[in-house]
Amino acid sequence: MGVYELLMKAIEERDARHYIEALHEDYEFVRHQTGTTMGKSKMSEMMAAMMANEDVVIKEPRCIYENDEILVEHSVMDFPDGTTEAVMAVHTKKDGKIVRTETGATLIQ
């Protein structure tokens, strides 16, 4: 199963474990808005909270491109505060897992 398929399984089942399985031990999430990063532990906590919150809805997910080194995906996300964003995520891969994620989001509502 490819990394994108693991992420989609997590979304479909609202099960953060599948998402966390796709993360490398050296995982880093880059927050461009604040210039900070988040490691695997914090990302795991955030994914568990997101998956448990039924008001967070990921719609129209699609894989733009995936190979052994990179995964590029796009989706539309609804958030509990009523906002909707188009989200582009670029995941760098190492040893078959995601080692770094950078995202760009555009408010659409």
PDB file of N, CA and C in Angstrom:
ATOM      1  N   MET A   1       0.852  -1.176   0.000  1.00  0.00           N
ATOM      2  CA  MET A   1       0.000   0.000   0.000  1.00  0.00           C
ATOM      3  C   MET A   1       0.897   1.238   0.000  1.00  0.00           C
ATOM      4  N   GLY A   2       0.601   2.190  -0.878  1.00  0.00           N
ATOM      5  CA  GLY A   2       1.364   3.425  -0.945  1.00  0.00           C
ATOM      6  C   GLY A   2       1.027   4.351   0.208  1.00  0.00           C
ATOM      7  N   VAL A   3       1.844   5.371   0.384  1.00  0.00           N
ATOM      8  CA  VAL A   3       1.633   6.330   1.462  1.00  0.00           C
ATOM      9  C   VAL A   3       0.292   7.051   1.289  1.00  0.00           C
ATOM     10  N   TYR A   4      -0.019   7.456   0.056  1.00  0.00           N
ATOM     11  CA  TYR A   4      -1.284   8.157  -0.172  1.00  0.00           C
ATOM     12  C   TYR A   4      -2.466   7.281   0.242  1.00  0.00           C
ATOM     13  N   GLU A   5      -2.405   6.002  -0.058  1.00  0.00           N
ATOM     14  CA  GLU A   5      -3.482   5.101   0.329  1.00  0.00           C
ATOM     15  C   GLU A   5      -3.636   5.013   1.846  1.00  0.00           C
ATOM     16  N   LEU A   6      -2.523   5.029   2.572  1.00  0.00           N
ATOM     17  CA  LEU A   6      -2.595   5.031   4.047  1.00  0.00           C
ATOM     18  C   LEU A   6      -3.291   6.291   4.548  1.00  0.00           C
ATOM     19  N   LEU A   7      -2.960   7.433   3.952  1.00  0.00           N
ATOM     20  CA  LEU A   7      -3.587   8.689   4.358  1.00  0.00           C
ATOM     21  C   LEU A   7      -5.086   8.670   4.069  1.00  0.00           C
ATOM     22  N   MET A   8      -5.472   8.135   2.924  1.00  0.00           N
ATOM     23  CA  MET A   8      -6.889   8.066   2.564  1.00  0.00           C
ATOM     24  C   MET A   8      -7.652   7.105   3.480  1.00  0.00           C
ATOM     25  N   LYS A   9      -7.001   6.024   3.863  1.00  0.00           N
ATOM     26  CA  LYS A   9      -7.622   5.085   4.807  1.00  0.00           C
ATOM     27  C   LYS A   9      -7.883   5.790   6.141  1.00  0.00           C
ATOM     28  N   ALA A  10      -6.925   6.607   6.580  1.00  0.00           N
ATOM     29  CA  ALA A  10      -7.094   7.370   7.822  1.00  0.00           C
ATOM     30  C   ALA A  10      -8.282   8.314   7.717  1.00  0.00           C
ATOM     31  N   ILE A  11      -8.397   9.002   6.596  1.00  0.00           N
ATOM     32  CA  ILE A  11      -9.498   9.944   6.400  1.00  0.00           C
ATOM     33  C   ILE A  11     -10.833   9.222   6.358  1.00  0.00           C
ATOM     34  N   GLU A  12     -10.910   8.160   5.581  1.00  0.00           N
ATOM     35  CA  GLU A  12     -12.161   7.414   5.438  1.00  0.00           C
ATOM     36  C   GLU A  12     -12.635   6.821   6.757  1.00  0.00           C
ATOM     37  N   GLU A  13     -11.707   6.290   7.523  1.00  0.00           N
ATOM     38  CA  GLU A  13     -12.056   5.627   8.780  1.00  0.00           C
ATOM     39  C   GLU A  13     -11.973   6.573   9.983  1.00  0.00           C
ATOM     40  N   ARG A  14     -11.547   7.809   9.746  1.00  0.00           N
ATOM     41  CA  ARG A  14     -11.333   8.781  10.829  1.00  0.00           C
ATOM     42  C   ARG A  14     -10.485   8.139  11.939  1.00  0.00           C
ATOM     43  N   ASP A  15      -9.386   7.529  11.513  1.00  0.00           N
ATOM     44  CA  ASP A  15      -8.509   6.789  12.411  1.00  0.00           C
ATOM     45  C   ASP A  15      -7.090   7.330  12.272  1.00  0.00           C
ATOM     46  N   ALA A  16      -6.655   8.089  13.238  1.00  0.00           N
ATOM     47  CA  ALA A  16      -5.336   8.720  13.191  1.00  0.00           C
ATOM     48  C   ALA A  16      -4.207   7.701  13.143  1.00  0.00           C
ATOM     49  N   ARG A  17      -4.430   6.500  13.630  1.00  0.00           N
ATOM     50  CA  ARG A  17      -3.363   5.487  13.628  1.00  0.00           C
ATOM     51  C   ARG A  17      -2.822   5.248  12.228  1.00  0.00           C
ATOM     52  N   HIS A  18      -3.706   5.201  11.237  1.00  0.00           N
ATOM     53  CA  HIS A  18      -3.263   4.965   9.859  1.00  0.00           C
ATOM     54  C   HIS A  18      -2.393   6.123   9.366  1.00  0.00           C
ATOM     55  N   TYR A  19      -2.766   7.339   9.735  1.00  0.00           N
ATOM     56  CA  TYR A  19      -1.964   8.506   9.335  1.00  0.00           C
ATOM     57  C   TYR A  19      -0.595   8.443  10.009  1.00  0.00           C
ATOM     58  N   ILE A  20      -0.588   8.162  11.297  1.00  0.00           N
ATOM     59  CA  ILE A  20       0.654   8.127  12.064  1.00  0.00           C
ATOM     60  C   ILE A  20       1.582   7.021  11.557  1.00  0.00           C
ATOM     61  N   GLU A  21       1.018   5.913  11.068  1.00  0.00           N
ATOM     62  CA  GLU A  21       1.816   4.833  10.488  1.00  0.00           C
ATOM     63  C   GLU A  21       2.647   5.306   9.310  1.00  0.00           C
ATOM     64  N   ALA A  22       2.166   6.333   8.614  1.00  0.00           N
ATOM     65  CA  ALA A  22       2.851   6.833   7.422  1.00  0.00           C
ATOM     66  C   ALA A  22       3.974   7.811   7.757  1.00  0.00           C
ATOM     67  N   LEU A  23       4.129   8.185   9.032  1.00  0.00           N
ATOM     68  CA  LEU A  23       5.131   9.170   9.423  1.00  0.00           C
ATOM     69  C   LEU A  23       6.442   8.518   9.847  1.00  0.00           C
ATOM     70  N   HIS A  24       7.532   9.011   9.318  1.00  0.00           N
ATOM     71  CA  HIS A  24       8.880   8.562   9.661  1.00  0.00           C
ATOM     72  C   HIS A  24       9.211   9.013  11.088  1.00  0.00           C
ATOM     73  N   GLU A  25      10.089   8.319  11.760  1.00  0.00           N
ATOM     74  CA  GLU A  25      10.478   8.701  13.127  1.00  0.00           C
ATOM     75  C   GLU A  25      11.080  10.105  13.183  1.00  0.00           C
ATOM     76  N   ASP A  26      11.726  10.542  12.099  1.00  0.00           N
ATOM     77  CA  ASP A  26      12.335  11.873  12.043  1.00  0.00           C
ATOM     78  C   ASP A  26      11.395  12.921  11.452  1.00  0.00           C
ATOM     79  N   TYR A  27      10.101  12.663  11.464  1.00  0.00           N
ATOM     80  CA  TYR A  27       9.108  13.513  10.817  1.00  0.00           C
ATOM     81  C   TYR A  27       9.160  14.966  11.312  1.00  0.00           C
ATOM     82  N   GLU A  28       8.951  15.888  10.361  1.00  0.00           N
ATOM     83  CA  GLU A  28       8.893  17.314  10.683  1.00  0.00           C
ATOM     84  C   GLU A  28       7.796  17.968   9.841  1.00  0.00           C
ATOM     85  N   PHE A  29       6.902  18.702  10.506  1.00  0.00           N
ATOM     86  CA  PHE A  29       5.875  19.493   9.836  1.00  0.00           C
ATOM     87  C   PHE A  29       6.318  20.948   9.910  1.00  0.00           C
ATOM     88  N   VAL A  30       6.376  21.609   8.766  1.00  0.00           N
ATOM     89  CA  VAL A  30       6.839  22.992   8.706  1.00  0.00           C
ATOM     90  C   VAL A  30       5.636  23.925   8.681  1.00  0.00           C
ATOM     91  N   ARG A  31       5.602  24.841   9.633  1.00  0.00           N
ATOM     92  CA  ARG A  31       4.547  25.856   9.695  1.00  0.00           C
ATOM     93  C   ARG A  31       5.103  27.164   9.155  1.00  0.00           C
ATOM     94  N   HIS A  32       4.795  27.461   7.908  1.00  0.00           N
ATOM     95  CA  HIS A  32       5.336  28.663   7.278  1.00  0.00           C
ATOM     96  C   HIS A  32       4.755  29.941   7.882  1.00  0.00           C
ATOM     97  N   GLN A  33       3.518  29.882   8.374  1.00  0.00           N
ATOM     98  CA  GLN A  33       2.890  31.073   8.938  1.00  0.00           C
ATOM     99  C   GLN A  33       3.639  31.592  10.154  1.00  0.00           C
ATOM    100  N   THR A  34       4.149  30.655  10.978  1.00  0.00           N
ATOM    101  CA  THR A  34       4.819  31.060  12.213  1.00  0.00           C
ATOM    102  C   THR A  34       6.321  30.816  12.198  1.00  0.00           C
ATOM    103  N   GLY A  35       6.806  30.103  11.188  1.00  0.00           N
ATOM    104  CA  GLY A  35       8.225  29.792  11.121  1.00  0.00           C
ATOM    105  C   GLY A  35       8.639  28.696  12.084  1.00  0.00           C
ATOM    106  N   THR A  36       7.676  27.946  12.595  1.00  0.00           N
ATOM    107  CA  THR A  36       7.973  26.878  13.547  1.00  0.00           C
ATOM    108  C   THR A  36       7.805  25.514  12.881  1.00  0.00           C
ATOM    109  N   THR A  37       8.261  24.486  13.583  1.00  0.00           N
ATOM    110  CA  THR A  37       8.096  23.116  13.117  1.00  0.00           C
ATOM    111  C   THR A  37       7.454  22.279  14.216  1.00  0.00           C
ATOM    112  N   MET A  38       6.937  21.128  13.796  1.00  0.00           N
ATOM    113  CA  MET A  38       6.300  20.208  14.727  1.00  0.00           C
ATOM    114  C   MET A  38       6.831  18.807  14.403  1.00  0.00           C
ATOM    115  N   GLY A  39       7.200  18.058  15.416  1.00  0.00           N
ATOM    116  CA  GLY A  39       7.698  16.708  15.230  1.00  0.00           C
ATOM    117  C   GLY A  39       6.579  15.670  15.181  1.00  0.00           C
ATOM    118  N   LYS A  40       6.975  14.412  15.103  1.00  0.00           N
ATOM    119  CA  LYS A  40       6.012  13.316  14.987  1.00  0.00           C
ATOM    120  C   LYS A  40       5.068  13.240  16.186  1.00  0.00           C
ATOM    121  N   SER A  41       5.577  13.439  17.378  1.00  0.00           N
ATOM    122  CA  SER A  41       4.747  13.337  18.577  1.00  0.00           C
ATOM    123  C   SER A  41       3.618  14.364  18.569  1.00  0.00           C
ATOM    124  N   LYS A  42       3.958  15.630  18.304  1.00  0.00           N
ATOM    125  CA  LYS A  42       2.939  16.689  18.271  1.00  0.00           C
ATOM    126  C   LYS A  42       1.980  16.488  17.103  1.00  0.00           C
ATOM    127  N   MET A  43       2.508  16.065  15.958  1.00  0.00           N
ATOM    128  CA  MET A  43       1.653  15.823  14.795  1.00  0.00           C
ATOM    129  C   MET A  43       0.687  14.681  15.091  1.00  0.00           C
ATOM    130  N   SER A  44       1.137  13.657  15.783  1.00  0.00           N
ATOM    131  CA  SER A  44       0.283  12.528  16.153  1.00  0.00           C
ATOM    132  C   SER A  44      -0.870  13.001  17.037  1.00  0.00           C
ATOM    133  N   GLU A  45      -0.570  13.873  18.005  1.00  0.00           N
ATOM    134  CA  GLU A  45      -1.611  14.430  18.874  1.00  0.00           C
ATOM    135  C   GLU A  45      -2.622  15.247  18.066  1.00  0.00           C
ATOM    136  N   MET A  46      -2.104  16.075  17.160  1.00  0.00           N
ATOM    137  CA  MET A  46      -2.977  16.915  16.349  1.00  0.00           C
ATOM    138  C   MET A  46      -3.872  16.068  15.441  1.00  0.00           C
ATOM    139  N   MET A  47      -3.322  15.033  14.836  1.00  0.00           N
ATOM    140  CA  MET A  47      -4.115  14.174  13.944  1.00  0.00           C
ATOM    141  C   MET A  47      -5.186  13.434  14.735  1.00  0.00           C
ATOM    142  N   ALA A  48      -4.859  12.971  15.927  1.00  0.00           N
ATOM    143  CA  ALA A  48      -5.847  12.275  16.754  1.00  0.00           C
ATOM    144  C   ALA A  48      -7.006  13.222  17.086  1.00  0.00           C
ATOM    145  N   ALA A  49      -6.699  14.467  17.423  1.00  0.00           N
ATOM    146  CA  ALA A  49      -7.743  15.444  17.738  1.00  0.00           C
ATOM    147  C   ALA A  49      -8.578  15.770  16.504  1.00  0.00           C
ATOM    148  N   MET A  50      -7.917  15.941  15.362  1.00  0.00           N
ATOM    149  CA  MET A  50      -8.643  16.243  14.123  1.00  0.00           C
ATOM    150  C   MET A  50      -9.581  15.111  13.725  1.00  0.00           C
ATOM    151  N   MET A  51      -9.087  13.891  13.794  1.00  0.00           N
ATOM    152  CA  MET A  51      -9.902  12.738  13.389  1.00  0.00           C
ATOM    153  C   MET A  51     -11.077  12.525  14.335  1.00  0.00           C
ATOM    154  N   ALA A  52     -10.903  12.909  15.589  1.00  0.00           N
ATOM    155  CA  ALA A  52     -11.985  12.744  16.568  1.00  0.00           C
ATOM    156  C   ALA A  52     -13.041  13.842  16.454  1.00  0.00           C
ATOM    157  N   ASN A  53     -12.711  14.940  15.795  1.00  0.00           N
ATOM    158  CA  ASN A  53     -13.631  16.061  15.672  1.00  0.00           C
ATOM    159  C   ASN A  53     -14.423  15.948  14.368  1.00  0.00           C
ATOM    160  N   GLU A  54     -15.688  15.611  14.470  1.00  0.00           N
ATOM    161  CA  GLU A  54     -16.536  15.409  13.284  1.00  0.00           C
ATOM    162  C   GLU A  54     -16.767  16.701  12.501  1.00  0.00           C
ATOM    163  N   ASP A  55     -16.437  17.859  13.095  1.00  0.00           N
ATOM    164  CA  ASP A  55     -16.592  19.138  12.404  1.00  0.00           C
ATOM    165  C   ASP A  55     -15.423  19.435  11.459  1.00  0.00           C
ATOM    166  N   VAL A  56     -14.366  18.633  11.536  1.00  0.00           N
ATOM    167  CA  VAL A  56     -13.261  18.748  10.586  1.00  0.00           C
ATOM    168  C   VAL A  56     -13.554  17.748   9.472  1.00  0.00           C
ATOM    169  N   VAL A  57     -13.796  18.277   8.276  1.00  0.00           N
ATOM    170  CA  VAL A  57     -14.169  17.425   7.146  1.00  0.00           C
ATOM    171  C   VAL A  57     -13.178  17.645   6.016  1.00  0.00           C
ATOM    172  N   ILE A  58     -12.615  16.546   5.521  1.00  0.00           N
ATOM    173  CA  ILE A  58     -11.692  16.602   4.398  1.00  0.00           C
ATOM    174  C   ILE A  58     -12.459  16.131   3.168  1.00  0.00           C
ATOM    175  N   LYS A  59     -12.577  17.037   2.182  1.00  0.00           N
ATOM    176  CA  LYS A  59     -13.366  16.752   0.990  1.00  0.00           C
ATOM    177  C   LYS A  59     -12.477  16.784  -0.254  1.00  0.00           C
ATOM    178  N   GLU A  60     -12.927  16.091  -1.267  1.00  0.00           N
ATOM    179  CA  GLU A  60     -12.289  16.108  -2.577  1.00  0.00           C
ATOM    180  C   GLU A  60     -10.787  15.828  -2.529  1.00  0.00           C
ATOM    181  N   PRO A  61     -10.350  14.845  -1.726  1.00  0.00           N
ATOM    182  CA  PRO A  61      -8.914  14.568  -1.683  1.00  0.00           C
ATOM    183  C   PRO A  61      -8.452  13.958  -3.007  1.00  0.00           C
ATOM    184  N   ARG A  62      -7.261  14.360  -3.429  1.00  0.00           N
ATOM    185  CA  ARG A  62      -6.705  13.757  -4.634  1.00  0.00           C
ATOM    186  C   ARG A  62      -5.188  13.786  -4.586  1.00  0.00           C
ATOM    187  N   CYS A  63      -4.618  12.768  -5.141  1.00  0.00           N
ATOM    188  CA  CYS A  63      -3.171  12.657  -5.254  1.00  0.00           C
ATOM    189  C   CYS A  63      -2.763  13.340  -6.552  1.00  0.00           C
ATOM    190  N   ILE A  64      -1.930  14.347  -6.455  1.00  0.00           N
ATOM    191  CA  ILE A  64      -1.408  15.032  -7.633  1.00  0.00           C
ATOM    192  C   ILE A  64      -0.248  14.225  -8.209  1.00  0.00           C
ATOM    193  N   TYR A  65       0.629  13.760  -7.312  1.00  0.00           N
ATOM    194  CA  TYR A  65       1.804  13.000  -7.754  1.00  0.00           C
ATOM    195  C   TYR A  65       2.397  12.260  -6.563  1.00  0.00           C
ATOM    196  N   GLU A  66       2.863  11.032  -6.812  1.00  0.00           N
ATOM    197  CA  GLU A  66       3.583  10.288  -5.773  1.00  0.00           C
ATOM    198  C   GLU A  66       4.632   9.403  -6.429  1.00  0.00           C
ATOM    199  N   ASN A  67       5.828   9.427  -5.864  1.00  0.00           N
ATOM    200  CA  ASN A  67       6.859   8.465  -6.221  1.00  0.00           C
ATOM    201  C   ASN A  67       7.596   8.090  -4.933  1.00  0.00           C
ATOM    202  N   ASP A  68       8.780   7.507  -5.030  1.00  0.00           N
ATOM    203  CA  ASP A  68       9.505   7.065  -3.834  1.00  0.00           C
ATOM    204  C   ASP A  68      10.054   8.215  -2.995  1.00  0.00           C
ATOM    205  N   GLU A  69      10.101   9.418  -3.569  1.00  0.00           N
ATOM    206  CA  GLU A  69      10.709  10.547  -2.877  1.00  0.00           C
ATOM    207  C   GLU A  69       9.733  11.623  -2.424  1.00  0.00           C
ATOM    208  N   ILE A  70       8.560  11.703  -3.062  1.00  0.00           N
ATOM    209  CA  ILE A  70       7.651  12.809  -2.783  1.00  0.00           C
ATOM    210  C   ILE A  70       6.198  12.404  -3.002  1.00  0.00           C
ATOM    211  N   LEU A  71       5.313  13.046  -2.249  1.00  0.00           N
ATOM    212  CA  LEU A  71       3.866  12.904  -2.418  1.00  0.00           C
ATOM    213  C   LEU A  71       3.289  14.312  -2.405  1.00  0.00           C
ATOM    214  N   VAL A  72       2.519  14.641  -3.432  1.00  0.00           N
ATOM    215  CA  VAL A  72       1.850  15.934  -3.508  1.00  0.00           C
ATOM    216  C   VAL A  72       0.358  15.652  -3.539  1.00  0.00           C
ATOM    217  N   GLU A  73      -0.384  16.262  -2.610  1.00  0.00           N
ATOM    218  CA  GLU A  73      -1.822  16.017  -2.543  1.00  0.00           C
ATOM    219  C   GLU A  73      -2.577  17.330  -2.364  1.00  0.00           C
ATOM    220  N   HIS A  74      -3.862  17.288  -2.715  1.00  0.00           N
ATOM    221  CA  HIS A  74      -4.713  18.467  -2.596  1.00  0.00           C
ATOM    222  C   HIS A  74      -6.054  18.032  -2.034  1.00  0.00           C
ATOM    223  N   SER A  75      -6.648  18.875  -1.204  1.00  0.00           N
ATOM    224  CA  SER A  75      -7.984  18.605  -0.672  1.00  0.00           C
ATOM    225  C   SER A  75      -8.636  19.920  -0.270  1.00  0.00           C
ATOM    226  N   VAL A  76      -9.901  19.835   0.050  1.00  0.00           N
ATOM    227  CA  VAL A  76     -10.646  20.964   0.590  1.00  0.00           C
ATOM    228  C   VAL A  76     -11.043  20.563   1.996  1.00  0.00           C
ATOM    229  N   MET A  77     -10.804  21.454   2.970  1.00  0.00           N
ATOM    230  CA  MET A  77     -11.084  21.123   4.363  1.00  0.00           C
ATOM    231  C   MET A  77     -12.067  22.112   4.974  1.00  0.00           C
ATOM    232  N   ASP A  78     -13.063  21.571   5.665  1.00  0.00           N
ATOM    233  CA  ASP A  78     -13.996  22.367   6.456  1.00  0.00           C
ATOM    234  C   ASP A  78     -13.540  22.295   7.910  1.00  0.00           C
ATOM    235  N   PHE A  79     -13.569  23.436   8.606  1.00  0.00           N
ATOM    236  CA  PHE A  79     -13.121  23.503   9.988  1.00  0.00           C
ATOM    237  C   PHE A  79     -14.270  23.879  10.921  1.00  0.00           C
ATOM    238  N   PRO A  80     -14.141  23.576  12.221  1.00  0.00           N
ATOM    239  CA  PRO A  80     -15.211  23.836  13.186  1.00  0.00           C
ATOM    240  C   PRO A  80     -15.655  25.300  13.254  1.00  0.00           C
ATOM    241  N   ASP A  81     -14.778  26.240  12.901  1.00  0.00           N
ATOM    242  CA  ASP A  81     -15.157  27.654  12.966  1.00  0.00           C
ATOM    243  C   ASP A  81     -15.947  28.115  11.745  1.00  0.00           C
ATOM    244  N   GLY A  82     -16.268  27.159  10.847  1.00  0.00           N
ATOM    245  CA  GLY A  82     -17.065  27.480   9.672  1.00  0.00           C
ATOM    246  C   GLY A  82     -16.256  27.863   8.449  1.00  0.00           C
ATOM    247  N   THR A  83     -14.939  27.911   8.572  1.00  0.00           N
ATOM    248  CA  THR A  83     -14.111  28.250   7.426  1.00  0.00           C
ATOM    249  C   THR A  83     -13.831  27.016   6.568  1.00  0.00           C
ATOM    250  N   THR A  84     -13.535  27.283   5.306  1.00  0.00           N
ATOM    251  CA  THR A  84     -13.162  26.235   4.356  1.00  0.00           C
ATOM    252  C   THR A  84     -11.872  26.671   3.682  1.00  0.00           C
ATOM    253  N   GLU A  85     -10.926  25.739   3.567  1.00  0.00           N
ATOM    254  CA  GLU A  85      -9.648  26.037   2.933  1.00  0.00           C
ATOM    255  C   GLU A  85      -9.322  24.987   1.884  1.00  0.00           C
ATOM    256  N   ALA A  86      -8.703  25.435   0.797  1.00  0.00           N
ATOM    257  CA  ALA A  86      -8.100  24.526  -0.172  1.00  0.00           C
ATOM    258  C   ALA A  86      -6.670  24.311   0.321  1.00  0.00           C
ATOM    259  N   VAL A  87      -6.272  23.046   0.461  1.00  0.00           N
ATOM    260  CA  VAL A  87      -4.973  22.735   1.057  1.00  0.00           C
ATOM    261  C   VAL A  87      -4.126  21.906   0.093  1.00  0.00           C
ATOM    262  N   MET A  88      -2.920  22.391  -0.166  1.00  0.00           N
ATOM    263  CA  MET A  88      -1.938  21.654  -0.949  1.00  0.00           C
ATOM    264  C   MET A  88      -0.864  21.190   0.022  1.00  0.00           C
ATOM    265  N   ALA A  89      -0.582  19.909   0.016  1.00  0.00           N
ATOM    266  CA  ALA A  89       0.451  19.365   0.899  1.00  0.00           C
ATOM    267  C   ALA A  89       1.533  18.695   0.068  1.00  0.00           C
ATOM    268  N   VAL A  90       2.777  19.004   0.415  1.00  0.00           N
ATOM    269  CA  VAL A  90       3.926  18.371  -0.221  1.00  0.00           C
ATOM    270  C   VAL A  90       4.662  17.601   0.865  1.00  0.00           C
ATOM    271  N   HIS A  91       4.706  16.295   0.690  1.00  0.00           N
ATOM    272  CA  HIS A  91       5.347  15.407   1.663  1.00  0.00           C
ATOM    273  C   HIS A  91       6.629  14.850   1.048  1.00  0.00           C
ATOM    274  N   THR A  92       7.741  15.052   1.726  1.00  0.00           N
ATOM    275  CA  THR A  92       8.994  14.435   1.320  1.00  0.00           C
ATOM    276  C   THR A  92       9.069  13.068   1.997  1.00  0.00           C
ATOM    277  N   LYS A  93       9.502  12.055   1.255  1.00  0.00           N
ATOM    278  CA  LYS A  93       9.507  10.694   1.781  1.00  0.00           C
ATOM    279  C   LYS A  93      10.937  10.179   1.996  1.00  0.00           C
ATOM    280  N   LYS A  94      11.059   9.317   2.998  1.00  0.00           N
ATOM    281  CA  LYS A  94      12.322   8.661   3.316  1.00  0.00           C
ATOM    282  C   LYS A  94      11.982   7.272   3.837  1.00  0.00           C
ATOM    283  N   ASP A  95      12.622   6.269   3.310  1.00  0.00           N
ATOM    284  CA  ASP A  95      12.380   4.882   3.735  1.00  0.00           C
ATOM    285  C   ASP A  95      10.905   4.504   3.634  1.00  0.00           C
ATOM    286  N   GLY A  96      10.206   5.045   2.624  1.00  0.00           N
ATOM    287  CA  GLY A  96       8.812   4.689   2.398  1.00  0.00           C
ATOM    288  C   GLY A  96       7.815   5.386   3.311  1.00  0.00           C
ATOM    289  N   LYS A  97       8.286   6.358   4.094  1.00  0.00           N
ATOM    290  CA  LYS A  97       7.402   7.093   5.000  1.00  0.00           C
ATOM    291  C   LYS A  97       7.588   8.597   4.802  1.00  0.00           C
ATOM    292  N   ILE A  98       6.643   9.369   5.327  1.00  0.00           N
ATOM    293  CA  ILE A  98       6.721  10.820   5.224  1.00  0.00           C
ATOM    294  C   ILE A  98       7.696  11.342   6.272  1.00  0.00           C
ATOM    295  N   VAL A  99       8.710  12.079   5.830  1.00  0.00           N
ATOM    296  CA  VAL A  99       9.710  12.611   6.754  1.00  0.00           C
ATOM    297  C   VAL A  99       9.552  14.129   6.932  1.00  0.00           C
ATOM    298  N   ARG A 100       8.874  14.780   5.985  1.00  0.00           N
ATOM    299  CA  ARG A 100       8.681  16.236   6.086  1.00  0.00           C
ATOM    300  C   ARG A 100       7.417  16.616   5.327  1.00  0.00           C
ATOM    301  N   THR A 101       6.636  17.519   5.916  1.00  0.00           N
ATOM    302  CA  THR A 101       5.418  18.024   5.275  1.00  0.00           C
ATOM    303  C   THR A 101       5.436  19.541   5.270  1.00  0.00           C
ATOM    304  N   GLU A 102       5.097  20.095   4.119  1.00  0.00           N
ATOM    305  CA  GLU A 102       4.897  21.538   3.989  1.00  0.00           C
ATOM    306  C   GLU A 102       3.542  21.717   3.322  1.00  0.00           C
ATOM    307  N   THR A 103       2.759  22.665   3.808  1.00  0.00           N
ATOM    308  CA  THR A 103       1.445  22.881   3.244  1.00  0.00           C
ATOM    309  C   THR A 103       1.243  24.337   2.864  1.00  0.00           C
ATOM    310  N   GLY A 104       0.328  24.522   1.961  1.00  0.00           N
ATOM    311  CA  GLY A 104      -0.130  25.851   1.613  1.00  0.00           C
ATOM    312  C   GLY A 104      -1.648  25.803   1.632  1.00  0.00           C
ATOM    313  N   ALA A 105      -2.275  26.793   2.205  1.00  0.00           N
ATOM    314  CA  ALA A 105      -3.734  26.792   2.316  1.00  0.00           C
ATOM    315  C   ALA A 105      -4.294  28.120   1.838  1.00  0.00           C
ATOM    316  N   THR A 106      -5.429  28.043   1.157  1.00  0.00           N
ATOM    317  CA  THR A 106      -6.112  29.232   0.674  1.00  0.00           C
ATOM    318  C   THR A 106      -7.523  29.230   1.236  1.00  0.00           C
ATOM    319  N   LEU A 107      -7.880  30.274   1.945  1.00  0.00           N
ATOM    320  CA  LEU A 107      -9.225  30.418   2.485  1.00  0.00           C
ATOM    321  C   LEU A 107     -10.192  30.592   1.322  1.00  0.00           C
ATOM    322  N   ILE A 108     -11.237  29.763   1.296  1.00  0.00           N
ATOM    323  CA  ILE A 108     -12.211  29.869   0.207  1.00  0.00           C
ATOM    324  C   ILE A 108     -13.607  30.166   0.718  1.00  0.00           C
ATOM    325  N   GLN A 109     -13.733  30.355   2.011  1.00  0.00           N
ATOM    326  CA  GLN A 109     -15.040  30.691   2.563  1.00  0.00           C
ATOM    327  C   GLN A 109     -14.897  31.421   3.872  1.00  0.00           C
TER     328      GLN A 109
END
